[in-house]
Amino acid sequence: MSGEFPVIQSKHSLVAKHVTKERWDKVKDIKTKTCGFTIAKACACAIEFDNQHCGIYAGDWDCYKDFSEIFDAVIQDYHGIKPDAKHTSDMDASKVTGNINKDVPVHSTRIRVGRSIDGYGLSPGITKQQRIDVEKLMSSALSKLTG
């Protein structure tokens, strides 16, 4: 898939909007240091399927640096933020308000938890050896818990 500019099947995806031939050609031969991820692998869903909204996935943290022109454009568009936006965090729970109607309560919700450990690939790009190493690392850490 790397090399030639691909036909992007998800014509209305953020990949189709932001992955231009010019941008592709700048990064098409780059493999990330952590797990050898390529822009072709990152965009594979939008290239192969016609139903993607976003269509790009980072294989490791290096993707955000190595393919920054593409990832930054997609992330900014997806979140509706400007290039100079800064993340702020406020963990004050008293500031969380809602508009849940007591007559129509929420019965369930979902919380997504992802993991990223420096030096290891993310889910789309992690190698078999990295998975084994993460398992050992987590087993060691969890075996030290008490209580």
C-alpha atoms as a PDB file:
ATOM      1  CA  MET A   1       0.000   0.000   0.000  1.00  0.00           C
ATOM      2  CA  SER A   2       2.849   2.463   0.628  1.00  0.00           C
ATOM      3  CA  GLY A   3       4.334   4.194  -2.351  1.00  0.00           C
ATOM      4  CA  GLU A   4       1.702   5.198  -4.857  1.00  0.00           C
ATOM      5  CA  PHE A   5      -1.058   7.517  -3.718  1.00  0.00           C
ATOM      6  CA  PRO A   6      -4.003   5.234  -2.894  1.00  0.00           C
ATOM      7  CA  VAL A   7      -7.612   5.269  -3.974  1.00  0.00           C
ATOM      8  CA  ILE A   8      -9.445   6.228  -0.796  1.00  0.00           C
ATOM      9  CA  GLN A   9     -12.724   4.281  -0.668  1.00  0.00           C
ATOM     10  CA  SER A  10     -14.212   6.407   2.131  1.00  0.00           C
ATOM     11  CA  LYS A  11     -14.784   9.425  -0.115  1.00  0.00           C
ATOM     12  CA  HIS A  12     -16.374  11.547   2.629  1.00  0.00           C
ATOM     13  CA  SER A  13     -13.871  10.708   5.374  1.00  0.00           C
ATOM     14  CA  LEU A  14     -11.434  13.059   7.029  1.00  0.00           C
ATOM     15  CA  VAL A  15      -8.679  11.023   5.378  1.00  0.00           C
ATOM     16  CA  ALA A  16     -10.133  11.798   1.933  1.00  0.00           C
ATOM     17  CA  LYS A  17     -10.265  15.462   2.893  1.00  0.00           C
ATOM     18  CA  HIS A  18      -6.800  15.821   4.406  1.00  0.00           C
ATOM     19  CA  VAL A  19      -4.588  13.123   2.858  1.00  0.00           C
ATOM     20  CA  THR A  20      -3.625  14.797  -0.382  1.00  0.00           C
ATOM     21  CA  LYS A  21      -1.131  13.394  -2.869  1.00  0.00           C
ATOM     22  CA  GLU A  22       1.298  16.136  -1.849  1.00  0.00           C
ATOM     23  CA  ARG A  23       1.045  15.220   1.839  1.00  0.00           C
ATOM     24  CA  TRP A  24       1.185  11.487   1.045  1.00  0.00           C
ATOM     25  CA  ASP A  25       4.335  11.852  -1.041  1.00  0.00           C
ATOM     26  CA  LYS A  26       6.120  13.634   1.836  1.00  0.00           C
ATOM     27  CA  VAL A  27       5.626  10.703   4.245  1.00  0.00           C
ATOM     28  CA  LYS A  28       4.921   7.611   2.125  1.00  0.00           C
ATOM     29  CA  ASP A  29       8.322   6.010   2.777  1.00  0.00           C
ATOM     30  CA  ILE A  30       8.544   6.759   6.510  1.00  0.00           C
ATOM     31  CA  LYS A  31       8.338   3.882   9.004  1.00  0.00           C
ATOM     32  CA  THR A  32       7.917   4.863  12.644  1.00  0.00           C
ATOM     33  CA  LYS A  33      10.679   3.994  15.077  1.00  0.00           C
ATOM     34  CA  THR A  34       8.522   2.255  17.685  1.00  0.00           C
ATOM     35  CA  CYS A  35       6.756  -0.314  15.513  1.00  0.00           C
ATOM     36  CA  GLY A  36       7.433   0.430  11.855  1.00  0.00           C
ATOM     37  CA  PHE A  37       4.008   1.932  11.170  1.00  0.00           C
ATOM     38  CA  THR A  38       3.465   3.662   7.830  1.00  0.00           C
ATOM     39  CA  ILE A  39       0.975   6.248   6.625  1.00  0.00           C
ATOM     40  CA  ALA A  40      -0.558   3.475   4.502  1.00  0.00           C
ATOM     41  CA  LYS A  41      -1.197   1.390   7.623  1.00  0.00           C
ATOM     42  CA  ALA A  42      -2.549   4.435   9.468  1.00  0.00           C
ATOM     43  CA  CYS A  43      -5.035   5.169   6.661  1.00  0.00           C
ATOM     44  CA  ALA A  44      -5.844   1.541   5.783  1.00  0.00           C
ATOM     45  CA  CYS A  45      -9.463   1.678   6.983  1.00  0.00           C
ATOM     46  CA  ALA A  46     -10.329   4.678   4.792  1.00  0.00           C
ATOM     47  CA  ILE A  47      -8.426   3.183   1.875  1.00  0.00           C
ATOM     48  CA  GLU A  48     -10.070  -0.248   2.107  1.00  0.00           C
ATOM     49  CA  PHE A  49     -13.598   0.547   3.317  1.00  0.00           C
ATOM     50  CA  ASP A  50     -16.179   3.037   2.092  1.00  0.00           C
ATOM     51  CA  ASN A  51     -17.882   3.725   5.421  1.00  0.00           C
ATOM     52  CA  GLN A  52     -15.287   5.538   7.538  1.00  0.00           C
ATOM     53  CA  HIS A  53     -15.885   8.978   9.036  1.00  0.00           C
ATOM     54  CA  CYS A  54     -12.369   9.571  10.282  1.00  0.00           C
ATOM     55  CA  GLY A  55     -10.389   6.668   8.796  1.00  0.00           C
ATOM     56  CA  ILE A  56      -6.970   7.133  10.383  1.00  0.00           C
ATOM     57  CA  TYR A  57      -5.408   5.399  13.374  1.00  0.00           C
ATOM     58  CA  ALA A  58      -2.038   5.956  15.025  1.00  0.00           C
ATOM     59  CA  GLY A  59       0.020   2.799  15.357  1.00  0.00           C
ATOM     60  CA  ASP A  60       2.280   4.401  17.941  1.00  0.00           C
ATOM     61  CA  TRP A  61       3.123   7.789  19.407  1.00  0.00           C
ATOM     62  CA  ASP A  62       5.643   8.406  16.620  1.00  0.00           C
ATOM     63  CA  CYS A  63       2.784   8.631  14.100  1.00  0.00           C
ATOM     64  CA  TYR A  64       1.745  11.958  15.615  1.00  0.00           C
ATOM     65  CA  LYS A  65       5.257  13.329  14.933  1.00  0.00           C
ATOM     66  CA  ASP A  66       6.232  11.563  11.721  1.00  0.00           C
ATOM     67  CA  PHE A  67       2.878  12.167  10.012  1.00  0.00           C
ATOM     68  CA  SER A  68       2.036  15.374  11.877  1.00  0.00           C
ATOM     69  CA  GLU A  69       0.888  17.385   8.880  1.00  0.00           C
ATOM     70  CA  ILE A  70      -1.840  14.816   8.249  1.00  0.00           C
ATOM     71  CA  PHE A  71      -2.701  13.868  11.840  1.00  0.00           C
ATOM     72  CA  ASP A  72      -2.835  17.497  12.985  1.00  0.00           C
ATOM     73  CA  ALA A  73      -5.217  18.433  10.161  1.00  0.00           C
ATOM     74  CA  VAL A  74      -7.498  15.463  10.864  1.00  0.00           C
ATOM     75  CA  ILE A  75      -7.502  16.012  14.637  1.00  0.00           C
ATOM     76  CA  GLN A  76      -8.201  19.739  14.289  1.00  0.00           C
ATOM     77  CA  ASP A  77     -11.044  19.113  11.853  1.00  0.00           C
ATOM     78  CA  TYR A  78     -12.539  16.278  13.931  1.00  0.00           C
ATOM     79  CA  HIS A  79     -12.520  18.306  17.152  1.00  0.00           C
ATOM     80  CA  GLY A  80     -13.225  21.679  15.548  1.00  0.00           C
ATOM     81  CA  ILE A  81     -10.126  23.283  17.031  1.00  0.00           C
ATOM     82  CA  LYS A  82      -7.579  25.709  15.669  1.00  0.00           C
ATOM     83  CA  PRO A  83      -3.901  24.788  15.131  1.00  0.00           C
ATOM     84  CA  ASP A  84      -2.836  26.870  18.146  1.00  0.00           C
ATOM     85  CA  ALA A  85      -5.362  25.263  20.538  1.00  0.00           C
ATOM     86  CA  LYS A  86      -3.983  24.076  23.876  1.00  0.00           C
ATOM     87  CA  HIS A  87      -5.418  21.241  25.950  1.00  0.00           C
ATOM     88  CA  THR A  88      -6.626  22.263  29.386  1.00  0.00           C
ATOM     89  CA  SER A  89      -7.640  19.924  32.142  1.00  0.00           C
ATOM     90  CA  ASP A  90      -9.963  20.734  35.030  1.00  0.00           C
ATOM     91  CA  MET A  91     -10.700  17.838  37.365  1.00  0.00           C
ATOM     92  CA  ASP A  92     -13.064  19.818  39.626  1.00  0.00           C
ATOM     93  CA  ALA A  93     -16.139  17.549  39.697  1.00  0.00           C
ATOM     94  CA  SER A  94     -18.341  20.349  41.066  1.00  0.00           C
ATOM     95  CA  LYS A  95     -18.105  22.047  37.665  1.00  0.00           C
ATOM     96  CA  VAL A  96     -19.676  19.080  35.892  1.00  0.00           C
ATOM     97  CA  THR A  97     -23.318  19.810  35.235  1.00  0.00           C
ATOM     98  CA  GLY A  98     -25.903  18.030  33.180  1.00  0.00           C
ATOM     99  CA  ASN A  99     -29.384  18.223  31.846  1.00  0.00           C
ATOM    100  CA  ILE A 100     -30.618  14.751  32.671  1.00  0.00           C
ATOM    101  CA  ASN A 101     -34.383  14.737  32.970  1.00  0.00           C
ATOM    102  CA  LYS A 102     -35.488  12.841  36.085  1.00  0.00           C
ATOM    103  CA  ASP A 103     -38.356  11.343  34.085  1.00  0.00           C
ATOM    104  CA  VAL A 104     -35.884   9.898  31.554  1.00  0.00           C
ATOM    105  CA  PRO A 105     -32.855   8.749  33.539  1.00  0.00           C
ATOM    106  CA  VAL A 106     -29.668   7.389  32.026  1.00  0.00           C
ATOM    107  CA  HIS A 107     -29.683   3.610  32.422  1.00  0.00           C
ATOM    108  CA  SER A 108     -26.210   2.911  31.168  1.00  0.00           C
ATOM    109  CA  THR A 109     -23.142   4.593  29.848  1.00  0.00           C
ATOM    110  CA  ARG A 110     -19.814   3.514  28.468  1.00  0.00           C
ATOM    111  CA  ILE A 111     -16.363   4.599  29.484  1.00  0.00           C
ATOM    112  CA  ARG A 112     -13.560   3.832  27.083  1.00  0.00           C
ATOM    113  CA  VAL A 113     -10.174   3.185  28.570  1.00  0.00           C
ATOM    114  CA  GLY A 114      -7.144   3.053  26.333  1.00  0.00           C
ATOM    115  CA  ARG A 115      -3.600   2.340  27.308  1.00  0.00           C
ATOM    116  CA  SER A 116      -0.395   3.776  26.062  1.00  0.00           C
ATOM    117  CA  ILE A 117       2.985   2.953  27.473  1.00  0.00           C
ATOM    118  CA  ASP A 118       5.960   4.920  26.231  1.00  0.00           C
ATOM    119  CA  GLY A 119       8.061   2.874  23.854  1.00  0.00           C
ATOM    120  CA  TYR A 120       5.290   0.447  22.859  1.00  0.00           C
ATOM    121  CA  GLY A 121       2.936   0.534  19.904  1.00  0.00           C
ATOM    122  CA  LEU A 122      -0.726   1.430  20.278  1.00  0.00           C
ATOM    123  CA  SER A 123      -3.370  -1.186  19.451  1.00  0.00           C
ATOM    124  CA  PRO A 124      -3.187  -0.835  15.644  1.00  0.00           C
ATOM    125  CA  GLY A 125       0.599  -1.082  15.533  1.00  0.00           C
ATOM    126  CA  ILE A 126       1.849  -3.033  18.518  1.00  0.00           C
ATOM    127  CA  THR A 127       4.094  -5.932  17.582  1.00  0.00           C
ATOM    128  CA  LYS A 128       3.780  -9.439  19.023  1.00  0.00           C
ATOM    129  CA  GLN A 129       6.987  -8.976  21.014  1.00  0.00           C
ATOM    130  CA  GLN A 130       5.729  -5.654  22.386  1.00  0.00           C
ATOM    131  CA  ARG A 131       2.481  -7.363  23.479  1.00  0.00           C
ATOM    132  CA  ILE A 132       4.499 -10.007  25.312  1.00  0.00           C
ATOM    133  CA  ASP A 133       6.667  -7.323  26.927  1.00  0.00           C
ATOM    134  CA  VAL A 134       3.592  -5.286  27.985  1.00  0.00           C
ATOM    135  CA  GLU A 135       2.051  -8.407  29.512  1.00  0.00           C
ATOM    136  CA  LYS A 136       5.237  -9.031  31.529  1.00  0.00           C
ATOM    137  CA  LEU A 137       5.430  -5.374  32.553  1.00  0.00           C
ATOM    138  CA  MET A 138       1.794  -5.291  33.692  1.00  0.00           C
ATOM    139  CA  SER A 139       2.024  -8.675  35.442  1.00  0.00           C
ATOM    140  CA  SER A 140       5.035  -7.447  37.370  1.00  0.00           C
ATOM    141  CA  ALA A 141       3.361  -4.167  38.300  1.00  0.00           C
ATOM    142  CA  LEU A 142       0.065  -5.788  39.321  1.00  0.00           C
ATOM    143  CA  SER A 143       1.805  -8.469  41.388  1.00  0.00           C
ATOM    144  CA  LYS A 144       3.145  -5.695  43.622  1.00  0.00           C
ATOM    145  CA  LEU A 145      -0.344  -4.424  44.542  1.00  0.00           C
ATOM    146  CA  THR A 146      -1.574  -5.184  48.008  1.00  0.00           C
ATOM    147  CA  GLY A 147      -4.891  -4.933  49.791  1.00  0.00           C
END
